[in-house]
Amino acid sequence: MSKFNHYDLKMVEPEFGSELTDLIIELDYLRKKSLMGSTPSRVFFQLKHIFHTLESVGSARIEGNRTTIARYC
């Protein structure tokens, strides 16, 4: 039987002038940018779906899950 272990979580509060704060602000800015490029959107989203599926299969294999590729089709 498994036992629950409680861990107190701490909020990360980087200093305003730190490199981590700069990265967080830059990532937030990039999140607002719209995706544009020369690839047609239909092709882009099909490729995105393929890579997400491959990532899921790889993750399942790392975690020891016995899910087969056929289940993702």
N, C-alpha and C. Protein backbone atom coordinates (compact mmCIF):
# COMPACT_ATOMS: atom_id res chain seq x y z
N MET A 1 0.85 -1.17 0.00
CA MET A 1 0.00 0.00 0.00
C MET A 1 0.90 1.23 0.00
N SER A 2 0.60 2.17 -0.88
CA SER A 2 1.42 3.38 -0.96
C SER A 2 1.04 4.37 0.14
N LYS A 3 2.03 5.16 0.52
CA LYS A 3 1.83 6.12 1.59
C LYS A 3 2.03 7.52 1.03
N PHE A 4 1.15 8.44 1.40
CA PHE A 4 1.25 9.83 0.96
C PHE A 4 2.30 10.56 1.77
N ASN A 5 3.23 11.22 1.07
CA ASN A 5 4.24 12.04 1.73
C ASN A 5 3.97 13.50 1.40
N HIS A 6 3.75 14.30 2.41
CA HIS A 6 3.47 15.72 2.23
C HIS A 6 4.77 16.50 2.10
N TYR A 7 4.83 17.37 1.09
CA TYR A 7 5.97 18.26 0.92
C TYR A 7 5.45 19.68 0.82
N ASP A 8 6.01 20.57 1.61
CA ASP A 8 5.64 21.97 1.50
C ASP A 8 6.24 22.54 0.22
N LEU A 9 5.40 23.19 -0.58
CA LEU A 9 5.86 23.80 -1.81
C LEU A 9 6.24 25.25 -1.56
N LYS A 10 7.27 25.69 -2.23
CA LYS A 10 7.73 27.07 -2.09
C LYS A 10 7.55 27.79 -3.42
N MET A 11 7.09 29.01 -3.37
CA MET A 11 6.98 29.82 -4.57
C MET A 11 8.35 30.39 -4.90
N VAL A 12 8.70 30.33 -6.17
CA VAL A 12 9.96 30.90 -6.62
C VAL A 12 9.74 32.39 -6.81
N GLU A 13 10.55 33.18 -6.17
CA GLU A 13 10.44 34.63 -6.28
C GLU A 13 11.81 35.18 -6.70
N PRO A 14 12.09 35.18 -8.01
CA PRO A 14 13.38 35.69 -8.45
C PRO A 14 13.46 37.21 -8.26
N GLU A 15 14.64 37.68 -8.03
CA GLU A 15 14.83 39.13 -7.86
C GLU A 15 14.56 39.83 -9.18
N PHE A 16 14.10 41.06 -9.11
CA PHE A 16 13.69 41.79 -10.31
C PHE A 16 14.81 41.93 -11.33
N GLY A 17 16.03 42.07 -10.89
CA GLY A 17 17.14 42.26 -11.80
C GLY A 17 17.83 40.97 -12.24
N SER A 18 17.28 39.82 -11.88
CA SER A 18 17.95 38.56 -12.19
C SER A 18 17.71 38.14 -13.64
N GLU A 19 18.56 37.25 -14.12
CA GLU A 19 18.45 36.73 -15.49
C GLU A 19 17.17 35.91 -15.65
N LEU A 20 16.77 35.22 -14.58
CA LEU A 20 15.55 34.42 -14.62
C LEU A 20 14.32 35.30 -14.87
N THR A 21 14.27 36.45 -14.23
CA THR A 21 13.16 37.39 -14.44
C THR A 21 13.13 37.87 -15.88
N ASP A 22 14.30 38.18 -16.45
CA ASP A 22 14.37 38.60 -17.85
C ASP A 22 13.84 37.51 -18.78
N LEU A 23 14.19 36.24 -18.51
CA LEU A 23 13.71 35.13 -19.33
C LEU A 23 12.20 34.95 -19.22
N ILE A 24 11.66 35.10 -18.03
CA ILE A 24 10.22 34.96 -17.83
C ILE A 24 9.47 36.03 -18.60
N ILE A 25 9.95 37.26 -18.55
CA ILE A 25 9.31 38.36 -19.26
C ILE A 25 9.40 38.15 -20.77
N GLU A 26 10.56 37.69 -21.25
CA GLU A 26 10.74 37.44 -22.68
C GLU A 26 9.83 36.30 -23.16
N LEU A 27 9.71 35.23 -22.38
CA LEU A 27 8.82 34.12 -22.75
C LEU A 27 7.36 34.57 -22.78
N ASP A 28 6.98 35.42 -21.84
CA ASP A 28 5.61 35.93 -21.83
C ASP A 28 5.35 36.78 -23.07
N TYR A 29 6.33 37.56 -23.48
CA TYR A 29 6.19 38.37 -24.70
C TYR A 29 6.05 37.48 -25.93
N LEU A 30 6.88 36.43 -26.03
CA LEU A 30 6.83 35.54 -27.18
C LEU A 30 5.51 34.78 -27.27
N ARG A 31 4.89 34.54 -26.13
CA ARG A 31 3.61 33.84 -26.10
C ARG A 31 2.51 34.61 -26.82
N LYS A 32 2.62 35.93 -26.85
CA LYS A 32 1.61 36.78 -27.45
C LYS A 32 1.78 36.93 -28.95
N LYS A 33 2.93 36.56 -29.48
CA LYS A 33 3.17 36.71 -30.92
C LYS A 33 2.37 35.66 -31.69
N SER A 34 1.86 36.06 -32.83
CA SER A 34 1.12 35.11 -33.65
C SER A 34 2.10 34.32 -34.52
N LEU A 35 1.71 33.08 -34.83
CA LEU A 35 2.55 32.23 -35.66
C LEU A 35 2.38 32.61 -37.12
N MET A 36 3.49 32.87 -37.79
CA MET A 36 3.45 33.16 -39.22
C MET A 36 4.66 32.52 -39.86
N GLY A 37 4.49 32.12 -41.10
CA GLY A 37 5.59 31.52 -41.83
C GLY A 37 5.15 31.17 -43.23
N SER A 38 6.05 30.56 -43.97
CA SER A 38 5.75 30.23 -45.35
C SER A 38 5.06 28.87 -45.51
N THR A 39 5.00 28.09 -44.42
CA THR A 39 4.36 26.78 -44.48
C THR A 39 2.85 26.96 -44.39
N PRO A 40 2.10 26.32 -45.29
CA PRO A 40 0.63 26.40 -45.20
C PRO A 40 0.15 25.88 -43.84
N SER A 41 -0.86 26.53 -43.28
CA SER A 41 -1.31 26.19 -41.93
C SER A 41 -1.76 24.73 -41.81
N ARG A 42 -2.39 24.19 -42.84
CA ARG A 42 -2.83 22.80 -42.78
C ARG A 42 -1.63 21.85 -42.63
N VAL A 43 -0.57 22.08 -43.39
CA VAL A 43 0.64 21.26 -43.30
C VAL A 43 1.30 21.43 -41.93
N PHE A 44 1.37 22.68 -41.47
CA PHE A 44 1.98 22.97 -40.17
C PHE A 44 1.28 22.19 -39.06
N PHE A 45 -0.06 22.24 -39.02
CA PHE A 45 -0.78 21.58 -37.94
C PHE A 45 -0.74 20.06 -38.07
N GLN A 46 -0.64 19.53 -39.29
CA GLN A 46 -0.46 18.09 -39.45
C GLN A 46 0.90 17.66 -38.90
N LEU A 47 1.94 18.43 -39.20
CA LEU A 47 3.27 18.12 -38.67
C LEU A 47 3.30 18.25 -37.15
N LYS A 48 2.64 19.27 -36.65
CA LYS A 48 2.57 19.48 -35.20
C LYS A 48 1.92 18.27 -34.53
N HIS A 49 0.84 17.77 -35.12
CA HIS A 49 0.15 16.60 -34.57
C HIS A 49 1.06 15.37 -34.59
N ILE A 50 1.80 15.19 -35.68
CA ILE A 50 2.73 14.05 -35.79
C ILE A 50 3.78 14.12 -34.69
N PHE A 51 4.38 15.30 -34.49
CA PHE A 51 5.42 15.43 -33.47
C PHE A 51 4.86 15.28 -32.06
N HIS A 52 3.65 15.75 -31.81
CA HIS A 52 3.04 15.55 -30.49
C HIS A 52 2.79 14.07 -30.23
N THR A 53 2.35 13.35 -31.28
CA THR A 53 2.13 11.91 -31.14
C THR A 53 3.45 11.18 -30.86
N LEU A 54 4.49 11.54 -31.59
CA LEU A 54 5.80 10.91 -31.36
C LEU A 54 6.31 11.21 -29.95
N GLU A 55 6.07 12.42 -29.48
CA GLU A 55 6.48 12.79 -28.12
C GLU A 55 5.72 11.95 -27.10
N SER A 56 4.43 11.74 -27.33
CA SER A 56 3.62 10.93 -26.41
C SER A 56 4.10 9.49 -26.38
N VAL A 57 4.39 8.93 -27.55
CA VAL A 57 4.87 7.55 -27.62
C VAL A 57 6.22 7.43 -26.91
N GLY A 58 7.12 8.38 -27.16
CA GLY A 58 8.42 8.36 -26.50
C GLY A 58 8.29 8.49 -25.00
N SER A 59 7.39 9.35 -24.55
CA SER A 59 7.18 9.54 -23.12
C SER A 59 6.61 8.28 -22.48
N ALA A 60 5.68 7.64 -23.17
CA ALA A 60 5.10 6.40 -22.64
C ALA A 60 6.16 5.31 -22.52
N ARG A 61 7.05 5.24 -23.49
CA ARG A 61 8.11 4.23 -23.44
C ARG A 61 9.07 4.50 -22.28
N ILE A 62 9.39 5.78 -22.03
CA ILE A 62 10.29 6.13 -20.94
C ILE A 62 9.66 5.77 -19.60
N GLU A 63 8.35 5.98 -19.47
CA GLU A 63 7.66 5.72 -18.21
C GLU A 63 7.35 4.25 -18.01
N GLY A 64 7.65 3.42 -19.01
CA GLY A 64 7.42 1.99 -18.87
C GLY A 64 6.02 1.57 -19.26
N ASN A 65 5.27 2.46 -19.84
CA ASN A 65 3.92 2.12 -20.29
C ASN A 65 4.04 1.20 -21.50
N ARG A 66 3.18 0.22 -21.59
CA ARG A 66 3.25 -0.75 -22.69
C ARG A 66 2.29 -0.40 -23.83
N THR A 67 1.96 0.87 -23.96
CA THR A 67 1.09 1.32 -25.04
C THR A 67 1.80 1.12 -26.37
N THR A 68 1.08 0.60 -27.33
CA THR A 68 1.68 0.39 -28.64
C THR A 68 1.38 1.56 -29.55
N ILE A 69 2.14 1.69 -30.61
CA ILE A 69 1.95 2.77 -31.57
C ILE A 69 0.58 2.62 -32.24
N ALA A 70 0.10 1.40 -32.41
CA ALA A 70 -1.19 1.17 -33.07
C ALA A 70 -2.34 1.85 -32.33
N ARG A 71 -2.22 2.03 -31.04
CA ARG A 71 -3.29 2.69 -30.26
C ARG A 71 -3.36 4.17 -30.53
N TYR A 72 -2.34 4.77 -31.08
CA TYR A 72 -2.33 6.20 -31.39
C TYR A 72 -2.91 6.49 -32.75
N CYS A 73 -3.12 5.49 -33.56
CA CYS A 73 -3.64 5.71 -34.92
C CYS A 73 -5.14 5.87 -34.93
